[in-house]
Amino acid sequence: MNIMQMMKQAQSLQQKLKETQAELAKTEITGEAAGGAVVVTCDGQGKFKSIKLKPEAINPENPSSVDAETIEMLEDIISTAINQASEKAGKEMEAKMKAVTGGINIPGLNF
């Protein structure tokens, strides 16, 4: 195999990686707990998208006592906390990976 063939293969692989990452970013994956009372959605890259709570997740004894405004407020503050933690984790990973790679950009490792 000559160097030109290797370069073409590397470019093809890099393009496939970009396409796969874009596809994963559009994919939605959900997880549920308490019989669907709590539903969390992430993209295919594991990034948090949203959380949905049902009244029974907040007050199982008396779900009708929980109003929509309370549910929305809890969803918002939980989402904010998860997004902050994810952002911090992403920055930490980026710093550690740059330390390991010496700042060299390696195709397929986006950070």
N, C-alpha and C. Protein backbone atom coordinates (compact mmCIF):
# COMPACT_ATOMS: atom_id res chain seq x y z
N MET A 1 0.86 -1.19 0.00
CA MET A 1 0.00 0.00 0.00
C MET A 1 0.89 1.24 0.00
N ASN A 2 0.60 2.14 -0.91
CA ASN A 2 1.42 3.34 -0.96
C ASN A 2 0.83 4.45 -0.08
N ILE A 3 1.59 5.52 0.04
CA ILE A 3 1.20 6.62 0.93
C ILE A 3 -0.09 7.30 0.48
N MET A 4 -0.33 7.37 -0.82
CA MET A 4 -1.55 8.00 -1.33
C MET A 4 -2.78 7.19 -0.94
N GLN A 5 -2.68 5.86 -1.03
CA GLN A 5 -3.80 5.01 -0.63
C GLN A 5 -4.08 5.16 0.86
N MET A 6 -3.00 5.25 1.65
CA MET A 6 -3.16 5.42 3.10
C MET A 6 -3.83 6.76 3.41
N MET A 7 -3.45 7.80 2.69
CA MET A 7 -4.05 9.13 2.90
C MET A 7 -5.53 9.11 2.55
N LYS A 8 -5.87 8.45 1.44
CA LYS A 8 -7.28 8.35 1.03
C LYS A 8 -8.08 7.59 2.08
N GLN A 9 -7.53 6.50 2.59
CA GLN A 9 -8.22 5.72 3.62
C GLN A 9 -8.40 6.55 4.88
N ALA A 10 -7.39 7.31 5.26
CA ALA A 10 -7.48 8.15 6.46
C ALA A 10 -8.56 9.22 6.28
N GLN A 11 -8.61 9.84 5.09
CA GLN A 11 -9.63 10.85 4.82
C GLN A 11 -11.02 10.23 4.84
N SER A 12 -11.15 9.05 4.26
CA SER A 12 -12.43 8.35 4.24
C SER A 12 -12.89 8.02 5.66
N LEU A 13 -11.96 7.54 6.47
CA LEU A 13 -12.26 7.21 7.86
C LEU A 13 -12.67 8.47 8.63
N GLN A 14 -11.95 9.56 8.41
CA GLN A 14 -12.25 10.82 9.10
C GLN A 14 -13.66 11.29 8.71
N GLN A 15 -14.01 11.18 7.45
CA GLN A 15 -15.34 11.58 6.99
C GLN A 15 -16.42 10.70 7.63
N LYS A 16 -16.17 9.40 7.69
CA LYS A 16 -17.13 8.48 8.32
C LYS A 16 -17.31 8.80 9.80
N LEU A 17 -16.21 9.15 10.47
CA LEU A 17 -16.29 9.52 11.88
C LEU A 17 -17.14 10.77 12.07
N LYS A 18 -16.95 11.77 11.20
CA LYS A 18 -17.75 13.00 11.28
C LYS A 18 -19.22 12.71 11.06
N GLU A 19 -19.52 11.88 10.06
CA GLU A 19 -20.90 11.53 9.77
C GLU A 19 -21.54 10.77 10.92
N THR A 20 -20.79 9.85 11.50
CA THR A 20 -21.30 9.07 12.64
C THR A 20 -21.54 9.97 13.84
N GLN A 21 -20.63 10.91 14.11
CA GLN A 21 -20.81 11.83 15.22
C GLN A 21 -22.05 12.70 15.01
N ALA A 22 -22.27 13.18 13.78
CA ALA A 22 -23.45 13.99 13.47
C ALA A 22 -24.73 13.17 13.66
N GLU A 23 -24.69 11.93 13.23
CA GLU A 23 -25.85 11.04 13.38
C GLU A 23 -26.14 10.80 14.85
N LEU A 24 -25.10 10.55 15.65
CA LEU A 24 -25.28 10.31 17.07
C LEU A 24 -25.82 11.56 17.79
N ALA A 25 -25.39 12.73 17.36
CA ALA A 25 -25.86 13.98 17.97
C ALA A 25 -27.36 14.17 17.74
N LYS A 26 -27.90 13.63 16.65
CA LYS A 26 -29.32 13.76 16.34
C LYS A 26 -30.17 12.66 16.99
N THR A 27 -29.53 11.59 17.42
CA THR A 27 -30.24 10.45 18.00
C THR A 27 -30.70 10.78 19.42
N GLU A 28 -31.93 10.41 19.75
CA GLU A 28 -32.43 10.60 21.11
C GLU A 28 -32.61 9.24 21.79
N ILE A 29 -32.07 9.13 22.99
CA ILE A 29 -32.14 7.90 23.77
C ILE A 29 -32.73 8.26 25.13
N THR A 30 -33.72 7.49 25.56
CA THR A 30 -34.36 7.79 26.84
C THR A 30 -34.12 6.68 27.85
N GLY A 31 -34.12 7.10 29.10
CA GLY A 31 -34.07 6.18 30.22
C GLY A 31 -35.22 6.53 31.15
N GLU A 32 -35.80 5.52 31.76
CA GLU A 32 -36.95 5.74 32.65
C GLU A 32 -36.69 5.13 34.01
N ALA A 33 -37.36 5.72 35.01
CA ALA A 33 -37.34 5.16 36.36
C ALA A 33 -38.74 5.29 36.95
N ALA A 34 -38.99 4.52 37.95
CA ALA A 34 -40.27 4.56 38.67
C ALA A 34 -41.45 4.41 37.72
N GLY A 35 -41.36 3.42 36.83
CA GLY A 35 -42.48 3.14 35.93
C GLY A 35 -42.80 4.29 34.99
N GLY A 36 -41.80 5.05 34.60
CA GLY A 36 -42.02 6.17 33.67
C GLY A 36 -42.32 7.48 34.36
N ALA A 37 -42.26 7.53 35.68
CA ALA A 37 -42.51 8.77 36.41
C ALA A 37 -41.37 9.77 36.20
N VAL A 38 -40.18 9.26 35.87
CA VAL A 38 -39.03 10.09 35.55
C VAL A 38 -38.46 9.59 34.23
N VAL A 39 -38.36 10.49 33.25
CA VAL A 39 -37.82 10.14 31.94
C VAL A 39 -36.70 11.12 31.60
N VAL A 40 -35.52 10.59 31.31
CA VAL A 40 -34.37 11.41 30.94
C VAL A 40 -34.02 11.10 29.49
N THR A 41 -33.75 12.15 28.72
CA THR A 41 -33.38 12.00 27.32
C THR A 41 -31.96 12.52 27.12
N CYS A 42 -31.15 11.71 26.42
CA CYS A 42 -29.79 12.10 26.03
C CYS A 42 -29.66 11.92 24.53
N ASP A 43 -28.64 12.54 23.95
CA ASP A 43 -28.37 12.26 22.54
C ASP A 43 -27.47 11.02 22.47
N GLY A 44 -27.18 10.58 21.26
CA GLY A 44 -26.38 9.38 21.07
C GLY A 44 -24.93 9.52 21.50
N GLN A 45 -24.52 10.75 21.82
CA GLN A 45 -23.17 10.98 22.33
C GLN A 45 -23.16 11.03 23.85
N GLY A 46 -24.34 10.78 24.45
CA GLY A 46 -24.44 10.78 25.90
C GLY A 46 -24.68 12.14 26.52
N LYS A 47 -24.90 13.15 25.70
CA LYS A 47 -25.15 14.50 26.24
C LYS A 47 -26.60 14.61 26.68
N PHE A 48 -26.79 15.14 27.89
CA PHE A 48 -28.12 15.31 28.46
C PHE A 48 -28.94 16.28 27.62
N LYS A 49 -30.20 15.92 27.37
CA LYS A 49 -31.11 16.80 26.61
C LYS A 49 -32.24 17.32 27.49
N SER A 50 -32.92 16.40 28.21
CA SER A 50 -34.06 16.85 29.01
C SER A 50 -34.45 15.83 30.07
N ILE A 51 -35.26 16.32 31.01
CA ILE A 51 -35.85 15.44 32.02
C ILE A 51 -37.33 15.78 32.11
N LYS A 52 -38.15 14.76 32.23
CA LYS A 52 -39.59 14.94 32.39
C LYS A 52 -40.01 14.21 33.65
N LEU A 53 -40.73 14.92 34.50
CA LEU A 53 -41.21 14.36 35.75
C LEU A 53 -42.73 14.29 35.73
N LYS A 54 -43.26 13.22 36.30
CA LYS A 54 -44.70 13.11 36.49
C LYS A 54 -44.99 13.42 37.96
N PRO A 55 -46.19 13.88 38.26
CA PRO A 55 -46.52 14.23 39.65
C PRO A 55 -46.23 13.11 40.65
N GLU A 56 -46.42 11.85 40.24
CA GLU A 56 -46.18 10.75 41.17
C GLU A 56 -44.71 10.59 41.53
N ALA A 57 -43.81 11.15 40.75
CA ALA A 57 -42.38 11.12 41.09
C ALA A 57 -42.09 12.07 42.25
N ILE A 58 -42.89 13.11 42.37
CA ILE A 58 -42.69 14.14 43.39
C ILE A 58 -43.47 13.81 44.66
N ASN A 59 -44.69 13.36 44.49
CA ASN A 59 -45.53 13.01 45.64
C ASN A 59 -46.33 11.75 45.33
N PRO A 60 -45.73 10.60 45.55
CA PRO A 60 -46.39 9.33 45.21
C PRO A 60 -47.69 9.11 45.99
N GLU A 61 -47.76 9.66 47.20
CA GLU A 61 -48.95 9.49 48.03
C GLU A 61 -50.14 10.28 47.50
N ASN A 62 -49.85 11.45 46.92
CA ASN A 62 -50.92 12.33 46.47
C ASN A 62 -50.48 13.11 45.23
N PRO A 63 -50.37 12.42 44.08
CA PRO A 63 -49.87 13.08 42.86
C PRO A 63 -50.71 14.28 42.42
N SER A 64 -51.99 14.27 42.72
CA SER A 64 -52.85 15.39 42.28
C SER A 64 -52.53 16.68 43.03
N SER A 65 -51.75 16.59 44.12
CA SER A 65 -51.39 17.79 44.87
C SER A 65 -50.24 18.57 44.22
N VAL A 66 -49.61 17.97 43.21
CA VAL A 66 -48.45 18.58 42.56
C VAL A 66 -48.91 19.29 41.29
N ASP A 67 -48.70 20.62 41.26
CA ASP A 67 -49.15 21.38 40.09
C ASP A 67 -48.08 21.41 38.99
N ALA A 68 -48.51 21.76 37.79
CA ALA A 68 -47.63 21.78 36.61
C ALA A 68 -46.47 22.75 36.79
N GLU A 69 -46.70 23.86 37.47
CA GLU A 69 -45.66 24.87 37.69
C GLU A 69 -44.52 24.28 38.54
N THR A 70 -44.86 23.51 39.56
CA THR A 70 -43.86 22.87 40.42
C THR A 70 -43.05 21.86 39.61
N ILE A 71 -43.73 21.07 38.80
CA ILE A 71 -43.05 20.08 37.96
C ILE A 71 -42.07 20.78 37.03
N GLU A 72 -42.53 21.83 36.36
CA GLU A 72 -41.67 22.56 35.41
C GLU A 72 -40.47 23.17 36.12
N MET A 73 -40.67 23.73 37.32
CA MET A 73 -39.57 24.33 38.07
C MET A 73 -38.53 23.26 38.42
N LEU A 74 -38.99 22.10 38.89
CA LEU A 74 -38.07 21.02 39.23
C LEU A 74 -37.32 20.52 38.00
N GLU A 75 -38.01 20.35 36.88
CA GLU A 75 -37.35 19.93 35.64
C GLU A 75 -36.27 20.93 35.25
N ASP A 76 -36.58 22.22 35.38
CA ASP A 76 -35.61 23.27 35.02
C ASP A 76 -34.38 23.25 35.92
N ILE A 77 -34.58 23.17 37.24
CA ILE A 77 -33.41 23.23 38.12
C ILE A 77 -32.57 21.95 38.04
N ILE A 78 -33.22 20.81 37.84
CA ILE A 78 -32.46 19.56 37.66
C ILE A 78 -31.68 19.62 36.35
N SER A 79 -32.32 20.11 35.27
CA SER A 79 -31.64 20.24 33.97
C SER A 79 -30.44 21.16 34.07
N THR A 80 -30.59 22.28 34.78
CA THR A 80 -29.49 23.23 34.95
C THR A 80 -28.31 22.57 35.66
N ALA A 81 -28.59 21.83 36.72
CA ALA A 81 -27.53 21.16 37.48
C ALA A 81 -26.82 20.11 36.62
N ILE A 82 -27.59 19.33 35.88
CA ILE A 82 -26.99 18.29 35.02
C ILE A 82 -26.14 18.95 33.93
N ASN A 83 -26.64 20.01 33.31
CA ASN A 83 -25.87 20.69 32.26
C ASN A 83 -24.59 21.30 32.81
N GLN A 84 -24.63 21.87 34.01
CA GLN A 84 -23.41 22.43 34.61
C GLN A 84 -22.39 21.33 34.86
N ALA A 85 -22.85 20.21 35.41
CA ALA A 85 -21.92 19.10 35.68
C ALA A 85 -21.33 18.56 34.38
N SER A 86 -22.15 18.43 33.35
CA SER A 86 -21.67 17.93 32.05
C SER A 86 -20.63 18.88 31.46
N GLU A 87 -20.91 20.17 31.54
CA GLU A 87 -19.97 21.16 31.00
C GLU A 87 -18.63 21.09 31.73
N LYS A 88 -18.69 20.99 33.05
CA LYS A 88 -17.45 20.88 33.83
C LYS A 88 -16.70 19.60 33.49
N ALA A 89 -17.43 18.50 33.35
CA ALA A 89 -16.80 17.22 33.01
C ALA A 89 -16.15 17.30 31.63
N GLY A 90 -16.83 17.95 30.68
CA GLY A 90 -16.29 18.11 29.33
C GLY A 90 -15.00 18.92 29.33
N LYS A 91 -14.97 20.00 30.12
CA LYS A 91 -13.76 20.83 30.21
C LYS A 91 -12.62 20.06 30.86
N GLU A 92 -12.95 19.27 31.87
CA GLU A 92 -11.93 18.46 32.54
C GLU A 92 -11.35 17.42 31.57
N MET A 93 -12.25 16.76 30.82
CA MET A 93 -11.80 15.76 29.85
C MET A 93 -10.91 16.43 28.79
N GLU A 94 -11.33 17.59 28.31
CA GLU A 94 -10.57 18.32 27.29
C GLU A 94 -9.17 18.64 27.80
N ALA A 95 -9.09 19.13 29.03
CA ALA A 95 -7.78 19.49 29.60
C ALA A 95 -6.89 18.25 29.74
N LYS A 96 -7.46 17.16 30.23
CA LYS A 96 -6.66 15.94 30.41
C LYS A 96 -6.22 15.37 29.05
N MET A 97 -7.11 15.38 28.05
CA MET A 97 -6.76 14.84 26.73
C MET A 97 -5.69 15.70 26.07
N LYS A 98 -5.78 17.02 26.23
CA LYS A 98 -4.75 17.89 25.65
C LYS A 98 -3.41 17.63 26.31
N ALA A 99 -3.43 17.35 27.61
CA ALA A 99 -2.19 17.05 28.32
C ALA A 99 -1.58 15.75 27.78
N VAL A 100 -2.43 14.76 27.50
CA VAL A 100 -1.95 13.47 27.00
C VAL A 100 -1.45 13.58 25.57
N THR A 101 -2.20 14.33 24.72
CA THR A 101 -1.84 14.41 23.30
C THR A 101 -0.87 15.55 23.00
N GLY A 102 -0.55 16.34 24.01
CA GLY A 102 0.34 17.47 23.78
C GLY A 102 -0.29 18.52 22.88
N GLY A 103 -1.61 18.57 22.86
CA GLY A 103 -2.32 19.57 22.05
C GLY A 103 -2.47 19.19 20.59
N ILE A 104 -2.00 17.99 20.23
CA ILE A 104 -2.12 17.54 18.83
C ILE A 104 -3.57 17.16 18.56
N ASN A 105 -4.11 17.63 17.44
CA ASN A 105 -5.47 17.30 17.06
C ASN A 105 -5.48 15.92 16.40
N ILE A 106 -6.17 14.99 17.03
CA ILE A 106 -6.26 13.63 16.51
C ILE A 106 -7.67 13.45 15.91
N PRO A 107 -7.76 13.18 14.62
CA PRO A 107 -9.07 13.02 13.98
C PRO A 107 -9.93 11.96 14.71
N GLY A 108 -11.18 12.31 14.92
CA GLY A 108 -12.09 11.38 15.59
C GLY A 108 -12.15 11.60 17.10
N LEU A 109 -11.19 12.31 17.66
CA LEU A 109 -11.22 12.63 19.08
C LEU A 109 -11.54 14.12 19.21
N ASN A 110 -12.81 14.42 19.21
CA ASN A 110 -13.21 15.83 19.32
C ASN A 110 -13.39 16.20 20.78
N PHE A 111 -12.60 17.16 21.22
CA PHE A 111 -12.74 17.69 22.58
C PHE A 111 -12.29 19.12 22.60
